[in-house]
């Protein structure tokens, strides 16, 4: 099973990057009607597409792009927290985003071969710094 972990990690990052790109592109319609993000000088759909593309590109070499792997784990955790927060505050909950967030976080943590490097523990880390 462990021999398939590198391929599974690459596929997971590529699929999650693709989901981020597609979801962000679909949000262009809503942002065009309610441009709340532009008051901060950014375009949220563009940022999501750039982030998703970065995750997809990093998926070709997750070991060498550990910062992108960390960013994906952070995104998954923030998605879980966001879904819980919106459920508590406004009664809106997206079960699909919640489950995907949990699955992605767990799978990355299980599949990544050098787990201590993900937590930036001690001295040097393997791979390139971004």
Protein backbone atom coordinates (compact mmCIF):
# COMPACT_ATOMS: atom_id res chain seq x y z
CA UNK A 1 0.00 0.00 0.00
CA UNK A 2 2.77 2.44 0.91
CA UNK A 3 4.24 2.22 -2.58
CA UNK A 4 1.09 3.94 -3.92
CA UNK A 5 1.26 6.83 -1.42
CA UNK A 6 3.35 9.18 -3.60
CA UNK A 7 0.97 8.77 -6.54
CA UNK A 8 -2.08 9.11 -4.29
CA UNK A 9 -0.67 12.32 -2.79
CA UNK A 10 -0.02 13.77 -6.24
CA UNK A 11 -3.53 12.88 -7.41
CA UNK A 12 -5.08 14.29 -4.23
CA UNK A 13 -3.29 17.61 -4.68
CA UNK A 14 -4.18 17.78 -8.37
CA UNK A 15 -7.87 16.99 -7.75
CA UNK A 16 -8.11 19.44 -4.86
CA UNK A 17 -6.41 22.12 -6.94
CA UNK A 18 -8.87 21.46 -9.74
CA UNK A 19 -11.81 21.74 -7.32
CA UNK A 20 -10.44 25.07 -6.06
CA UNK A 21 -10.05 26.41 -9.60
CA UNK A 22 -13.53 25.30 -10.71
CA UNK A 23 -15.21 26.53 -7.51
CA UNK A 24 -13.45 29.86 -7.67
CA UNK A 25 -14.28 30.32 -11.35
CA UNK A 26 -17.95 29.60 -10.58
CA UNK A 27 -17.95 32.33 -7.93
CA UNK A 28 -17.28 35.03 -10.56
CA UNK A 29 -21.06 35.37 -11.03
CA UNK A 30 -21.75 36.08 -7.36
CA UNK A 31 -18.84 38.49 -7.02
CA UNK A 32 -20.00 40.34 -10.13
CA UNK A 33 -23.37 40.97 -8.44
CA UNK A 34 -22.05 41.60 -4.90
CA UNK A 35 -18.43 42.78 -5.19
CA UNK A 36 -17.61 42.73 -1.48
CA UNK A 37 -14.06 41.55 -2.12
CA UNK A 38 -13.09 44.53 -4.27
CA UNK A 39 -13.32 46.88 -1.29
CA UNK A 40 -10.19 45.16 0.00
CA UNK A 41 -8.46 45.55 -3.37
CA UNK A 42 -8.57 41.87 -4.32
CA UNK A 43 -10.71 39.60 -6.43
CA UNK A 44 -11.56 36.47 -4.44
CA UNK A 45 -12.24 34.28 -7.51
CA UNK A 46 -8.88 35.22 -9.02
CA UNK A 47 -7.13 34.47 -5.73
CA UNK A 48 -8.88 31.09 -5.50
CA UNK A 49 -7.93 30.21 -9.07
CA UNK A 50 -4.30 31.17 -8.43
CA UNK A 51 -4.23 29.14 -5.21
CA UNK A 52 -5.82 26.13 -6.90
CA UNK A 53 -3.38 26.34 -9.80
CA UNK A 54 -0.49 26.51 -7.33
CA UNK A 55 -1.76 23.40 -5.55
CA UNK A 56 -2.09 21.59 -8.90
CA UNK A 57 1.44 22.55 -9.98
CA UNK A 58 2.88 21.60 -6.58
CA UNK A 59 1.16 18.24 -6.93
CA UNK A 60 3.76 17.23 -9.51
CA UNK A 61 6.39 17.26 -6.73
CA UNK A 62 4.77 17.53 -3.28
CA UNK A 63 8.03 16.73 -1.48
CA UNK A 64 9.82 19.61 -3.19
CA UNK A 65 6.90 21.99 -2.64
CA UNK A 66 6.20 21.42 1.04
CA UNK A 67 4.93 24.97 1.56
CA UNK A 68 2.07 24.26 -0.85
CA UNK A 69 1.29 21.02 0.98
CA UNK A 70 1.17 22.97 4.24
CA UNK A 71 -1.08 25.56 2.58
CA UNK A 72 -3.46 22.79 1.46
CA UNK A 73 -3.66 21.39 5.00
CA UNK A 74 -4.28 24.91 6.34
CA UNK A 75 -7.00 25.46 3.74
CA UNK A 76 -8.71 22.17 4.68
CA UNK A 77 -8.63 23.03 8.39
CA UNK A 78 -9.95 26.55 7.73
CA UNK A 79 -12.76 25.11 5.58
CA UNK A 80 -13.82 22.84 8.45
CA UNK A 81 -13.74 25.73 10.94
CA UNK A 82 -15.62 27.99 8.52
CA UNK A 83 -18.40 25.45 8.03
CA UNK A 84 -18.82 25.04 11.78
CA UNK A 85 -18.77 28.83 12.26
CA UNK A 86 -21.41 29.49 9.60
CA UNK A 87 -23.61 26.74 11.03
CA UNK A 88 -23.45 28.27 14.50
CA UNK A 89 -23.85 31.90 13.42
CA UNK A 90 -26.21 31.90 10.43
CA UNK A 91 -27.49 28.34 10.20
CA UNK A 92 -25.80 27.63 6.86
CA UNK A 93 -23.78 24.44 6.51
CA UNK A 94 -22.29 22.84 3.40
CA UNK A 95 -21.82 19.16 4.22
CA UNK A 96 -19.87 18.49 1.00
CA UNK A 97 -17.25 21.17 1.72
CA UNK A 98 -17.05 19.98 5.34
CA UNK A 99 -16.47 16.33 4.37
CA UNK A 100 -13.98 17.24 1.63
CA UNK A 101 -12.07 19.41 4.13
CA UNK A 102 -11.83 16.54 6.60
CA UNK A 103 -10.86 14.01 3.92
CA UNK A 104 -8.18 16.24 2.39
CA UNK A 105 -6.62 17.12 5.74
CA UNK A 106 -6.53 13.50 6.88
CA UNK A 107 -5.32 12.10 3.57
CA UNK A 108 -2.50 14.62 3.21
CA UNK A 109 -1.36 13.91 6.75
CA UNK A 110 -1.49 10.15 6.14
CA UNK A 111 0.09 10.17 2.67
CA UNK A 112 2.89 12.71 3.17
CA UNK A 113 6.12 10.73 3.67
CA UNK A 114 8.01 13.20 5.92
CA UNK A 115 5.40 14.20 8.52
CA UNK A 116 7.78 16.10 10.85
CA UNK A 117 8.66 18.42 7.94
CA UNK A 118 4.98 19.40 7.65
CA UNK A 119 5.11 20.81 11.18
CA UNK A 120 8.41 22.64 10.57
CA UNK A 121 10.06 20.85 13.48
CA UNK A 122 13.68 21.60 14.10
CA UNK A 123 16.49 22.62 11.80
CA UNK A 124 16.30 21.72 8.17
CA UNK A 125 13.41 20.47 6.11
CA UNK A 126 13.55 18.43 2.96
CA UNK A 127 12.53 20.03 -0.28
CA UNK A 128 12.57 23.54 -1.62
CA UNK A 129 11.41 26.51 0.36
CA UNK A 130 8.73 28.66 -1.15
